[in-house]
Amino acid sequence: MPTDLNPYGGVFGGWLMSQMALGAGSLASREGKGKAVLVSASDFAFPGAMQVGDELSVYCDIVATGNTSLTIAAEAVARERNGEAETKVAQGTFKFVLLDENDRPRAVAKWA
């Protein structure tokens, strides 16, 4: 959409970051089995350019766990609209804190 473009007609980096945060948040909620809120985003790089009409895929992995937090690395890959060529367009790290029913931090369950 035009509101998602930078002044040069390319996809705005902030839009890419928001899509990555949505993907990372989905993983945090699923793995944390409940509410997870974003508390920080860091280490962003934009090694490629996404074009209008490209398909975006976001891949996420949990890279660290704290007492109440999950740190998730996210990578965004664009696939050209009418082909198979893919380009890594962004990468970054998100930290989420898990919350209980009273919106207070809760412990991360340990995996078996």
PDB file of N, CA and C in Angstrom:
ATOM      1  N   MET A   1       0.841  -1.182   0.000  1.00  0.00           N
ATOM      2  CA  MET A   1       0.000   0.000   0.000  1.00  0.00           C
ATOM      3  C   MET A   1       0.883   1.241   0.000  1.00  0.00           C
ATOM      4  N   PRO A   2       0.403   2.327  -0.567  1.00  0.00           N
ATOM      5  CA  PRO A   2       1.211   3.557  -0.619  1.00  0.00           C
ATOM      6  C   PRO A   2       1.672   4.044   0.753  1.00  0.00           C
ATOM      7  N   THR A   3       0.883   3.814   1.796  1.00  0.00           N
ATOM      8  CA  THR A   3       1.298   4.264   3.129  1.00  0.00           C
ATOM      9  C   THR A   3       2.442   3.423   3.694  1.00  0.00           C
ATOM     10  N   ASP A   4       2.737   2.298   3.062  1.00  0.00           N
ATOM     11  CA  ASP A   4       3.811   1.416   3.517  1.00  0.00           C
ATOM     12  C   ASP A   4       5.103   1.613   2.729  1.00  0.00           C
ATOM     13  N   LEU A   5       5.167   2.676   1.938  1.00  0.00           N
ATOM     14  CA  LEU A   5       6.334   2.937   1.095  1.00  0.00           C
ATOM     15  C   LEU A   5       7.153   4.086   1.646  1.00  0.00           C
ATOM     16  N   ASN A   6       8.452   4.054   1.371  1.00  0.00           N
ATOM     17  CA  ASN A   6       9.299   5.184   1.728  1.00  0.00           C
ATOM     18  C   ASN A   6       9.204   6.232   0.602  1.00  0.00           C
ATOM     19  N   PRO A   7       9.804   7.394   0.770  1.00  0.00           N
ATOM     20  CA  PRO A   7       9.687   8.436  -0.250  1.00  0.00           C
ATOM     21  C   PRO A   7      10.241   8.047  -1.627  1.00  0.00           C
ATOM     22  N   TYR A   8      11.024   6.971  -1.688  1.00  0.00           N
ATOM     23  CA  TYR A   8      11.616   6.533  -2.950  1.00  0.00           C
ATOM     24  C   TYR A   8      10.815   5.435  -3.631  1.00  0.00           C
ATOM     25  N   GLY A   9       9.685   5.064  -3.027  1.00  0.00           N
ATOM     26  CA  GLY A   9       8.824   4.059  -3.630  1.00  0.00           C
ATOM     27  C   GLY A   9       9.112   2.629  -3.211  1.00  0.00           C
ATOM     28  N   GLY A  10      10.082   2.437  -2.307  1.00  0.00           N
ATOM     29  CA  GLY A  10      10.377   1.099  -1.801  1.00  0.00           C
ATOM     30  C   GLY A  10       9.578   0.812  -0.545  1.00  0.00           C
ATOM     31  N   VAL A  11       9.571  -0.435  -0.125  1.00  0.00           N
ATOM     32  CA  VAL A  11       8.852  -0.819   1.085  1.00  0.00           C
ATOM     33  C   VAL A  11       9.562  -0.215   2.299  1.00  0.00           C
ATOM     34  N   PHE A  12       8.797   0.465   3.150  1.00  0.00           N
ATOM     35  CA  PHE A  12       9.294   1.149   4.336  1.00  0.00           C
ATOM     36  C   PHE A  12       9.815   0.144   5.349  1.00  0.00           C
ATOM     37  N   GLY A  13      11.024   0.372   5.863  1.00  0.00           N
ATOM     38  CA  GLY A  13      11.631  -0.530   6.839  1.00  0.00           C
ATOM     39  C   GLY A  13      10.802  -0.700   8.098  1.00  0.00           C
ATOM     40  N   GLY A  14      10.089   0.329   8.514  1.00  0.00           N
ATOM     41  CA  GLY A  14       9.234   0.234   9.690  1.00  0.00           C
ATOM     42  C   GLY A  14       8.106  -0.760   9.490  1.00  0.00           C
ATOM     43  N   TRP A  15       7.587  -0.827   8.268  1.00  0.00           N
ATOM     44  CA  TRP A  15       6.538  -1.813   7.967  1.00  0.00           C
ATOM     45  C   TRP A  15       7.118  -3.220   8.081  1.00  0.00           C
ATOM     46  N   LEU A  16       8.320  -3.418   7.544  1.00  0.00           N
ATOM     47  CA  LEU A  16       8.976  -4.727   7.652  1.00  0.00           C
ATOM     48  C   LEU A  16       9.166  -5.114   9.121  1.00  0.00           C
ATOM     49  N   MET A  17       9.618  -4.172   9.935  1.00  0.00           N
ATOM     50  CA  MET A  17       9.826  -4.446  11.349  1.00  0.00           C
ATOM     51  C   MET A  17       8.517  -4.840  12.023  1.00  0.00           C
ATOM     52  N   SER A  18       7.419  -4.179  11.676  1.00  0.00           N
ATOM     53  CA  SER A  18       6.140  -4.507  12.304  1.00  0.00           C
ATOM     54  C   SER A  18       5.679  -5.906  11.922  1.00  0.00           C
ATOM     55  N   GLN A  19       5.901  -6.305  10.677  1.00  0.00           N
ATOM     56  CA  GLN A  19       5.534  -7.666  10.257  1.00  0.00           C
ATOM     57  C   GLN A  19       6.378  -8.699  10.988  1.00  0.00           C
ATOM     58  N   MET A  20       7.648  -8.383  11.193  1.00  0.00           N
ATOM     59  CA  MET A  20       8.531  -9.283  11.924  1.00  0.00           C
ATOM     60  C   MET A  20       8.101  -9.386  13.391  1.00  0.00           C
ATOM     61  N   ALA A  21       7.690  -8.261  13.980  1.00  0.00           N
ATOM     62  CA  ALA A  21       7.227  -8.267  15.370  1.00  0.00           C
ATOM     63  C   ALA A  21       5.959  -9.106  15.512  1.00  0.00           C
ATOM     64  N   LEU A  22       5.078  -9.051  14.520  1.00  0.00           N
ATOM     65  CA  LEU A  22       3.870  -9.883  14.550  1.00  0.00           C
ATOM     66  C   LEU A  22       4.231 -11.372  14.527  1.00  0.00           C
ATOM     67  N   GLY A  23       5.162 -11.743  13.660  1.00  0.00           N
ATOM     68  CA  GLY A  23       5.592 -13.136  13.583  1.00  0.00           C
ATOM     69  C   GLY A  23       6.265 -13.597  14.861  1.00  0.00           C
ATOM     70  N   ALA A  24       7.155 -12.766  15.391  1.00  0.00           N
ATOM     71  CA  ALA A  24       7.860 -13.116  16.626  1.00  0.00           C
ATOM     72  C   ALA A  24       6.875 -13.188  17.797  1.00  0.00           C
ATOM     73  N   GLY A  25       5.907 -12.288  17.818  1.00  0.00           N
ATOM     74  CA  GLY A  25       4.903 -12.292  18.884  1.00  0.00           C
ATOM     75  C   GLY A  25       4.037 -13.535  18.847  1.00  0.00           C
ATOM     76  N   SER A  26       3.733 -13.991  17.654  1.00  0.00           N
ATOM     77  CA  SER A  26       2.964 -15.224  17.515  1.00  0.00           C
ATOM     78  C   SER A  26       3.729 -16.403  18.107  1.00  0.00           C
ATOM     79  N   LEU A  27       5.014 -16.485  17.814  1.00  0.00           N
ATOM     80  CA  LEU A  27       5.840 -17.550  18.372  1.00  0.00           C
ATOM     81  C   LEU A  27       5.928 -17.429  19.896  1.00  0.00           C
ATOM     82  N   ALA A  28       6.121 -16.210  20.404  1.00  0.00           N
ATOM     83  CA  ALA A  28       6.229 -16.002  21.852  1.00  0.00           C
ATOM     84  C   ALA A  28       4.948 -16.426  22.562  1.00  0.00           C
ATOM     85  N   SER A  29       3.795 -16.070  22.022  1.00  0.00           N
ATOM     86  CA  SER A  29       2.516 -16.445  22.634  1.00  0.00           C
ATOM     87  C   SER A  29       2.288 -17.951  22.578  1.00  0.00           C
ATOM     88  N   ARG A  30       2.632 -18.545  21.443  1.00  0.00           N
ATOM     89  CA  ARG A  30       2.426 -19.989  21.282  1.00  0.00           C
ATOM     90  C   ARG A  30       3.337 -20.773  22.232  1.00  0.00           C
ATOM     91  N   GLU A  31       4.613 -20.428  22.242  1.00  0.00           N
ATOM     92  CA  GLU A  31       5.552 -21.150  23.101  1.00  0.00           C
ATOM     93  C   GLU A  31       5.335 -20.830  24.575  1.00  0.00           C
ATOM     94  N   GLY A  32       4.943 -19.578  24.866  1.00  0.00           N
ATOM     95  CA  GLY A  32       4.707 -19.174  26.248  1.00  0.00           C
ATOM     96  C   GLY A  32       3.328 -19.560  26.750  1.00  0.00           C
ATOM     97  N   LYS A  33       2.482 -20.051  25.843  1.00  0.00           N
ATOM     98  CA  LYS A  33       1.130 -20.498  26.170  1.00  0.00           C
ATOM     99  C   LYS A  33       0.313 -19.405  26.857  1.00  0.00           C
ATOM    100  N   GLY A  34       0.368 -18.199  26.275  1.00  0.00           N
ATOM    101  CA  GLY A  34      -0.403 -17.086  26.838  1.00  0.00           C
ATOM    102  C   GLY A  34       0.075 -15.753  26.307  1.00  0.00           C
ATOM    103  N   LYS A  35      -0.301 -14.728  27.033  1.00  0.00           N
ATOM    104  CA  LYS A  35      -0.006 -13.354  26.635  1.00  0.00           C
ATOM    105  C   LYS A  35       1.495 -13.070  26.696  1.00  0.00           C
ATOM    106  N   ALA A  36       1.985 -12.434  25.641  1.00  0.00           N
ATOM    107  CA  ALA A  36       3.390 -12.030  25.569  1.00  0.00           C
ATOM    108  C   ALA A  36       3.437 -10.626  24.988  1.00  0.00           C
ATOM    109  N   VAL A  37       4.176  -9.730  25.623  1.00  0.00           N
ATOM    110  CA  VAL A  37       4.265  -8.355  25.154  1.00  0.00           C
ATOM    111  C   VAL A  37       5.705  -8.030  24.766  1.00  0.00           C
ATOM    112  N   LEU A  38       5.831  -7.252  23.712  1.00  0.00           N
ATOM    113  CA  LEU A  38       7.144  -6.836  23.218  1.00  0.00           C
ATOM    114  C   LEU A  38       7.732  -5.783  24.148  1.00  0.00           C
ATOM    115  N   VAL A  39       8.980  -6.000  24.593  1.00  0.00           N
ATOM    116  CA  VAL A  39       9.639  -5.028  25.459  1.00  0.00           C
ATOM    117  C   VAL A  39      10.872  -4.405  24.815  1.00  0.00           C
ATOM    118  N   SER A  40      11.426  -5.060  23.783  1.00  0.00           N
ATOM    119  CA  SER A  40      12.550  -4.441  23.076  1.00  0.00           C
ATOM    120  C   SER A  40      12.738  -5.069  21.704  1.00  0.00           C
ATOM    121  N   ALA A  41      13.349  -4.285  20.842  1.00  0.00           N
ATOM    122  CA  ALA A  41      13.714  -4.731  19.497  1.00  0.00           C
ATOM    123  C   ALA A  41      15.111  -4.187  19.231  1.00  0.00           C
ATOM    124  N   SER A  42      15.992  -5.040  18.708  1.00  0.00           N
ATOM    125  CA  SER A  42      17.380  -4.607  18.515  1.00  0.00           C
ATOM    126  C   SER A  42      18.032  -5.347  17.357  1.00  0.00           C
ATOM    127  N   ASP A  43      19.251  -4.930  17.075  1.00  0.00           N
ATOM    128  CA  ASP A  43      20.117  -5.602  16.103  1.00  0.00           C
ATOM    129  C   ASP A  43      19.500  -5.707  14.714  1.00  0.00           C
ATOM    130  N   PHE A  44      18.837  -4.660  14.273  1.00  0.00           N
ATOM    131  CA  PHE A  44      18.200  -4.715  12.958  1.00  0.00           C
ATOM    132  C   PHE A  44      19.178  -4.393  11.848  1.00  0.00           C
ATOM    133  N   ALA A  45      19.004  -5.123  10.755  1.00  0.00           N
ATOM    134  CA  ALA A  45      19.766  -4.886   9.533  1.00  0.00           C
ATOM    135  C   ALA A  45      18.816  -5.120   8.364  1.00  0.00           C
ATOM    136  N   PHE A  46      19.042  -4.413   7.296  1.00  0.00           N
ATOM    137  CA  PHE A  46      18.226  -4.519   6.090  1.00  0.00           C
ATOM    138  C   PHE A  46      19.148  -4.792   4.905  1.00  0.00           C
ATOM    139  N   PRO A  47      19.558  -6.063   4.748  1.00  0.00           N
ATOM    140  CA  PRO A  47      20.541  -6.398   3.724  1.00  0.00           C
ATOM    141  C   PRO A  47      20.017  -6.402   2.294  1.00  0.00           C
ATOM    142  N   GLY A  48      18.718  -6.370   2.112  1.00  0.00           N
ATOM    143  CA  GLY A  48      18.148  -6.389   0.765  1.00  0.00           C
ATOM    144  C   GLY A  48      16.953  -5.463   0.690  1.00  0.00           C
ATOM    145  N   ALA A  49      16.482  -5.239  -0.512  1.00  0.00           N
ATOM    146  CA  ALA A  49      15.335  -4.350  -0.714  1.00  0.00           C
ATOM    147  C   ALA A  49      14.120  -5.156  -1.141  1.00  0.00           C
ATOM    148  N   MET A  50      12.999  -4.864  -0.513  1.00  0.00           N
ATOM    149  CA  MET A  50      11.737  -5.507  -0.871  1.00  0.00           C
ATOM    150  C   MET A  50      10.997  -4.594  -1.833  1.00  0.00           C
ATOM    151  N   GLN A  51      10.448  -5.178  -2.878  1.00  0.00           N
ATOM    152  CA  GLN A  51       9.707  -4.409  -3.870  1.00  0.00           C
ATOM    153  C   GLN A  51       8.208  -4.528  -3.611  1.00  0.00           C
ATOM    154  N   VAL A  52       7.470  -3.518  -4.010  1.00  0.00           N
ATOM    155  CA  VAL A  52       6.016  -3.563  -3.902  1.00  0.00           C
ATOM    156  C   VAL A  52       5.511  -4.770  -4.682  1.00  0.00           C
ATOM    157  N   GLY A  53       4.661  -5.575  -4.054  1.00  0.00           N
ATOM    158  CA  GLY A  53       4.119  -6.760  -4.697  1.00  0.00           C
ATOM    159  C   GLY A  53       4.844  -8.039  -4.345  1.00  0.00           C
ATOM    160  N   ASP A  54       6.049  -7.934  -3.750  1.00  0.00           N
ATOM    161  CA  ASP A  54       6.759  -9.132  -3.322  1.00  0.00           C
ATOM    162  C   ASP A  54       5.986  -9.825  -2.197  1.00  0.00           C
ATOM    163  N   GLU A  55       6.158 -11.135  -2.100  1.00  0.00           N
ATOM    164  CA  GLU A  55       5.586 -11.907  -0.989  1.00  0.00           C
ATOM    165  C   GLU A  55       6.599 -11.919   0.135  1.00  0.00           C
ATOM    166  N   LEU A  56       6.133 -11.680   1.371  1.00  0.00           N
ATOM    167  CA  LEU A  56       7.028 -11.644   2.526  1.00  0.00           C
ATOM    168  C   LEU A  56       6.813 -12.871   3.399  1.00  0.00           C
ATOM    169  N   SER A  57       7.906 -13.524   3.771  1.00  0.00           N
ATOM    170  CA  SER A  57       7.883 -14.610   4.751  1.00  0.00           C
ATOM    171  C   SER A  57       8.757 -14.189   5.921  1.00  0.00           C
ATOM    172  N   VAL A  58       8.289 -14.487   7.142  1.00  0.00           N
ATOM    173  CA  VAL A  58       9.048 -14.169   8.349  1.00  0.00           C
ATOM    174  C   VAL A  58       9.331 -15.472   9.085  1.00  0.00           C
ATOM    175  N   TYR A  59      10.597 -15.724   9.364  1.00  0.00           N
ATOM    176  CA  TYR A  59      11.037 -16.935  10.050  1.00  0.00           C
ATOM    177  C   TYR A  59      11.594 -16.542  11.414  1.00  0.00           C
ATOM    178  N   CYS A  60      11.155 -17.238  12.468  1.00  0.00           N
ATOM    179  CA  CYS A  60      11.543 -16.875  13.827  1.00  0.00           C
ATOM    180  C   CYS A  60      12.050 -18.081  14.601  1.00  0.00           C
ATOM    181  N   ASP A  61      13.016 -17.825  15.479  1.00  0.00           N
ATOM    182  CA  ASP A  61      13.563 -18.848  16.369  1.00  0.00           C
ATOM    183  C   ASP A  61      13.789 -18.244  17.742  1.00  0.00           C
ATOM    184  N   ILE A  62      13.477 -19.007  18.781  1.00  0.00           N
ATOM    185  CA  ILE A  62      13.794 -18.583  20.149  1.00  0.00           C
ATOM    186  C   ILE A  62      15.288 -18.805  20.350  1.00  0.00           C
ATOM    187  N   VAL A  63      15.990 -17.738  20.709  1.00  0.00           N
ATOM    188  CA  VAL A  63      17.443 -17.844  20.878  1.00  0.00           C
ATOM    189  C   VAL A  63      17.870 -17.776  22.339  1.00  0.00           C
ATOM    190  N   ALA A  64      16.972 -17.320  23.223  1.00  0.00           N
ATOM    191  CA  ALA A  64      17.296 -17.267  24.651  1.00  0.00           C
ATOM    192  C   ALA A  64      16.006 -17.193  25.451  1.00  0.00           C
ATOM    193  N   THR A  65      16.079 -17.715  26.670  1.00  0.00           N
ATOM    194  CA  THR A  65      14.970 -17.579  27.608  1.00  0.00           C
ATOM    195  C   THR A  65      15.503 -17.013  28.901  1.00  0.00           C
ATOM    196  N   GLY A  66      14.699 -16.150  29.508  1.00  0.00           N
ATOM    197  CA  GLY A  66      15.028 -15.612  30.822  1.00  0.00           C
ATOM    198  C   GLY A  66      14.009 -16.133  31.818  1.00  0.00           C
ATOM    199  N   ASN A  67      13.956 -15.523  32.985  1.00  0.00           N
ATOM    200  CA  ASN A  67      12.972 -15.949  33.983  1.00  0.00           C
ATOM    201  C   ASN A  67      11.552 -15.711  33.492  1.00  0.00           C
ATOM    202  N   THR A  68      11.331 -14.556  32.846  1.00  0.00           N
ATOM    203  CA  THR A  68       9.988 -14.202  32.373  1.00  0.00           C
ATOM    204  C   THR A  68       9.980 -13.803  30.898  1.00  0.00           C
ATOM    205  N   SER A  69      11.097 -13.976  30.213  1.00  0.00           N
ATOM    206  CA  SER A  69      11.197 -13.455  28.847  1.00  0.00           C
ATOM    207  C   SER A  69      11.662 -14.497  27.836  1.00  0.00           C
ATOM    208  N   LEU A  70      11.308 -14.225  26.591  1.00  0.00           N
ATOM    209  CA  LEU A  70      11.781 -14.999  25.444  1.00  0.00           C
ATOM    210  C   LEU A  70      12.440 -14.032  24.479  1.00  0.00           C
ATOM    211  N   THR A  71      13.633 -14.355  24.018  1.00  0.00           N
ATOM    212  CA  THR A  71      14.315 -13.552  23.005  1.00  0.00           C
ATOM    213  C   THR A  71      14.226 -14.308  21.692  1.00  0.00           C
ATOM    214  N   ILE A  72      13.738 -13.619  20.671  1.00  0.00           N
ATOM    215  CA  ILE A  72      13.443 -14.262  19.395  1.00  0.00           C
ATOM    216  C   ILE A  72      14.175 -13.556  18.263  1.00  0.00           C
ATOM    217  N   ALA A  73      14.909 -14.337  17.475  1.00  0.00           N
ATOM    218  CA  ALA A  73      15.548 -13.823  16.261  1.00  0.00           C
ATOM    219  C   ALA A  73      14.563 -13.992  15.115  1.00  0.00           C
ATOM    220  N   ALA A  74      14.437 -12.944  14.313  1.00  0.00           N
ATOM    221  CA  ALA A  74      13.518 -12.985  13.170  1.00  0.00           C
ATOM    222  C   ALA A  74      14.263 -12.619  11.897  1.00  0.00           C
ATOM    223  N   GLU A  75      13.876 -13.280  10.823  1.00  0.00           N
ATOM    224  CA  GLU A  75      14.450 -13.025   9.501  1.00  0.00           C
ATOM    225  C   GLU A  75      13.297 -12.853   8.510  1.00  0.00           C
ATOM    226  N   ALA A  76      13.367 -11.812   7.711  1.00  0.00           N
ATOM    227  CA  ALA A  76      12.337 -11.549   6.701  1.00  0.00           C
ATOM    228  C   ALA A  76      12.915 -11.812   5.317  1.00  0.00           C
ATOM    229  N   VAL A  77      12.186 -12.600   4.532  1.00  0.00           N
ATOM    230  CA  VAL A  77      12.619 -12.972   3.189  1.00  0.00           C
ATOM    231  C   VAL A  77      11.526 -12.602   2.197  1.00  0.00           C
ATOM    232  N   ALA A  78      11.900 -11.887   1.159  1.00  0.00           N
ATOM    233  CA  ALA A  78      10.956 -11.498   0.107  1.00  0.00           C
ATOM    234  C   ALA A  78      11.124 -12.425  -1.092  1.00  0.00           C
ATOM    235  N   ARG A  79       9.991 -12.856  -1.652  1.00  0.00           N
ATOM    236  CA  ARG A  79       9.996 -13.648  -2.882  1.00  0.00           C
ATOM    237  C   ARG A  79       9.360 -12.788  -3.954  1.00  0.00           C
ATOM    238  N   GLU A  80      10.016 -12.693  -5.095  1.00  0.00           N
ATOM    239  CA  GLU A  80       9.485 -11.855  -6.164  1.00  0.00           C
ATOM    240  C   GLU A  80       8.085 -12.315  -6.557  1.00  0.00           C
ATOM    241  N   ARG A  81       7.272 -11.366  -6.946  1.00  0.00           N
ATOM    242  CA  ARG A  81       5.853 -11.619  -7.211  1.00  0.00           C
ATOM    243  C   ARG A  81       5.608 -12.687  -8.264  1.00  0.00           C
ATOM    244  N   ASN A  82       6.316 -12.626  -9.348  1.00  0.00           N
ATOM    245  CA  ASN A  82       6.050 -13.535 -10.470  1.00  0.00           C
ATOM    246  C   ASN A  82       7.186 -14.515 -10.723  1.00  0.00           C
ATOM    247  N   GLY A  83       7.826 -14.939  -9.660  1.00  0.00           N
ATOM    248  CA  GLY A  83       8.946 -15.863  -9.829  1.00  0.00           C
ATOM    249  C   GLY A  83       9.294 -16.536  -8.522  1.00  0.00           C
ATOM    250  N   GLU A  84      10.475 -17.106  -8.495  1.00  0.00           N
ATOM    251  CA  GLU A  84      10.926 -17.861  -7.327  1.00  0.00           C
ATOM    252  C   GLU A  84      12.117 -17.221  -6.623  1.00  0.00           C
ATOM    253  N   ALA A  85      12.672 -16.159  -7.178  1.00  0.00           N
ATOM    254  CA  ALA A  85      13.854 -15.537  -6.579  1.00  0.00           C
ATOM    255  C   ALA A  85      13.513 -14.974  -5.202  1.00  0.00           C
ATOM    256  N   GLU A  86      14.379 -15.275  -4.222  1.00  0.00           N
ATOM    257  CA  GLU A  86      14.189 -14.805  -2.861  1.00  0.00           C
ATOM    258  C   GLU A  86      15.348 -13.925  -2.430  1.00  0.00           C
ATOM    259  N   THR A  87      15.042 -12.938  -1.578  1.00  0.00           N
ATOM    260  CA  THR A  87      16.044 -12.024  -1.051  1.00  0.00           C
ATOM    261  C   THR A  87      15.800 -11.828   0.433  1.00  0.00           C
ATOM    262  N   LYS A  88      16.844 -11.991   1.241  1.00  0.00           N
ATOM    263  CA  LYS A  88      16.726 -11.660   2.663  1.00  0.00           C
ATOM    264  C   LYS A  88      16.682 -10.144   2.761  1.00  0.00           C
ATOM    265  N   VAL A  89      15.583  -9.611   3.319  1.00  0.00           N
ATOM    266  CA  VAL A  89      15.402  -8.163   3.334  1.00  0.00           C
ATOM    267  C   VAL A  89      15.559  -7.544   4.715  1.00  0.00           C
ATOM    268  N   ALA A  90      15.455  -8.342   5.775  1.00  0.00           N
ATOM    269  CA  ALA A  90      15.623  -7.784   7.119  1.00  0.00           C
ATOM    270  C   ALA A  90      15.899  -8.903   8.121  1.00  0.00           C
ATOM    271  N   GLN A  91      16.537  -8.505   9.217  1.00  0.00           N
ATOM    272  CA  GLN A  91      16.754  -9.410  10.336  1.00  0.00           C
ATOM    273  C   GLN A  91      16.803  -8.575  11.602  1.00  0.00           C
ATOM    274  N   GLY A  92      16.399  -9.161  12.713  1.00  0.00           N
ATOM    275  CA  GLY A  92      16.414  -8.436  13.971  1.00  0.00           C
ATOM    276  C   GLY A  92      16.085  -9.348  15.130  1.00  0.00           C
ATOM    277  N   THR A  93      16.157  -8.793  16.320  1.00  0.00           N
ATOM    278  CA  THR A  93      15.917  -9.538  17.549  1.00  0.00           C
ATOM    279  C   THR A  93      14.836  -8.845  18.361  1.00  0.00           C
ATOM    280  N   PHE A  94      13.909  -9.645  18.882  1.00  0.00           N
ATOM    281  CA  PHE A  94      12.806  -9.137  19.691  1.00  0.00           C
ATOM    282  C   PHE A  94      12.820  -9.826  21.047  1.00  0.00           C
ATOM    283  N   LYS A  95      12.532  -9.064  22.099  1.00  0.00           N
ATOM    284  CA  LYS A  95      12.391  -9.654  23.431  1.00  0.00           C
ATOM    285  C   LYS A  95      10.958  -9.439  23.892  1.00  0.00           C
ATOM    286  N   PHE A  96      10.345 -10.540  24.356  1.00  0.00           N
ATOM    287  CA  PHE A  96       8.979 -10.518  24.862  1.00  0.00           C
ATOM    288  C   PHE A  96       8.973 -10.954  26.318  1.00  0.00           C
ATOM    289  N   VAL A  97       8.076 -10.365  27.111  1.00  0.00           N
ATOM    290  CA  VAL A  97       7.850 -10.792  28.489  1.00  0.00           C
ATOM    291  C   VAL A  97       6.486 -11.455  28.537  1.00  0.00           C
ATOM    292  N   LEU A  98       6.418 -12.602  29.194  1.00  0.00           N
ATOM    293  CA  LEU A  98       5.158 -13.318  29.354  1.00  0.00           C
ATOM    294  C   LEU A  98       4.382 -12.713  30.519  1.00  0.00           C
ATOM    295  N   LEU A  99       3.067 -12.577  30.336  1.00  0.00           N
ATOM    296  CA  LEU A  99       2.223 -11.982  31.370  1.00  0.00           C
ATOM    297  C   LEU A  99       1.145 -12.965  31.822  1.00  0.00           C
ATOM    298  N   ASP A 100       0.746 -12.828  33.091  1.00  0.00           N
ATOM    299  CA  ASP A 100      -0.338 -13.659  33.618  1.00  0.00           C
ATOM    300  C   ASP A 100      -1.675 -12.957  33.390  1.00  0.00           C
ATOM    301  N   GLU A 101      -2.742 -13.513  33.972  1.00  0.00           N
ATOM    302  CA  GLU A 101      -4.085 -12.962  33.765  1.00  0.00           C
ATOM    303  C   GLU A 101      -4.263 -11.573  34.370  1.00  0.00           C
ATOM    304  N   ASN A 102      -3.341 -11.150  35.235  1.00  0.00           N
ATOM    305  CA  ASN A 102      -3.374  -9.805  35.828  1.00  0.00           C
ATOM    306  C   ASN A 102      -2.350  -8.869  35.188  1.00  0.00           C
ATOM    307  N   ASP A 103      -1.830  -9.279  34.044  1.00  0.00           N
ATOM    308  CA  ASP A 103      -0.816  -8.509  33.313  1.00  0.00           C
ATOM    309  C   ASP A 103       0.460  -8.270  34.120  1.00  0.00           C
ATOM    310  N   ARG A 104       0.811  -9.248  34.925  1.00  0.00           N
ATOM    311  CA  ARG A 104       2.062  -9.225  35.678  1.00  0.00           C
ATOM    312  C   ARG A 104       3.003 -10.242  35.055  1.00  0.00           C
ATOM    313  N   PRO A 105       4.310  -9.967  35.045  1.00  0.00           N
ATOM    314  CA  PRO A 105       5.249 -10.945  34.481  1.00  0.00           C
ATOM    315  C   PRO A 105       5.098 -12.310  35.150  1.00  0.00           C
ATOM    316  N   ARG A 106       5.197 -13.356  34.333  1.00  0.00           N
ATOM    317  CA  ARG A 106       5.118 -14.723  34.861  1.00  0.00           C
ATOM    318  C   ARG A 106       6.302 -15.528  34.345  1.00  0.00           C
ATOM    319  N   ALA A 107       6.596 -16.595  35.026  1.00  0.00           N
ATOM    320  CA  ALA A 107       7.758 -17.414  34.694  1.00  0.00           C
ATOM    321  C   ALA A 107       7.562 -18.139  33.368  1.00  0.00           C
ATOM    322  N   VAL A 108       8.661 -18.289  32.674  1.00  0.00           N
ATOM    323  CA  VAL A 108       8.680 -19.093  31.440  1.00  0.00           C
ATOM    324  C   VAL A 108       8.719 -20.546  31.861  1.00  0.00           C
ATOM    325  N   ALA A 109       7.787 -21.342  31.348  1.00  0.00           N
ATOM    326  CA  ALA A 109       7.788 -22.778  31.644  1.00  0.00           C
ATOM    327  C   ALA A 109       9.016 -23.417  31.006  1.00  0.00           C
ATOM    328  N   LYS A 110       9.642 -24.291  31.703  1.00  0.00           N
ATOM    329  CA  LYS A 110      10.824 -24.967  31.162  1.00  0.00           C
ATOM    330  C   LYS A 110      10.385 -26.100  30.239  1.00  0.00           C
ATOM    331  N   TRP A 111      11.065 -26.221  29.106  1.00  0.00           N
ATOM    332  CA  TRP A 111      10.747 -27.270  28.137  1.00  0.00           C
ATOM    333  C   TRP A 111      11.280 -28.603  28.629  1.00  0.00           C
ATOM    334  N   ALA A 112      10.582 -29.639  28.291  1.00  0.00           N
ATOM    335  CA  ALA A 112      10.996 -30.992  28.700  1.00  0.00           C
ATOM    336  C   ALA A 112      12.145 -31.471  27.868  1.00  0.00           C
TER     337      ALA A 112
END
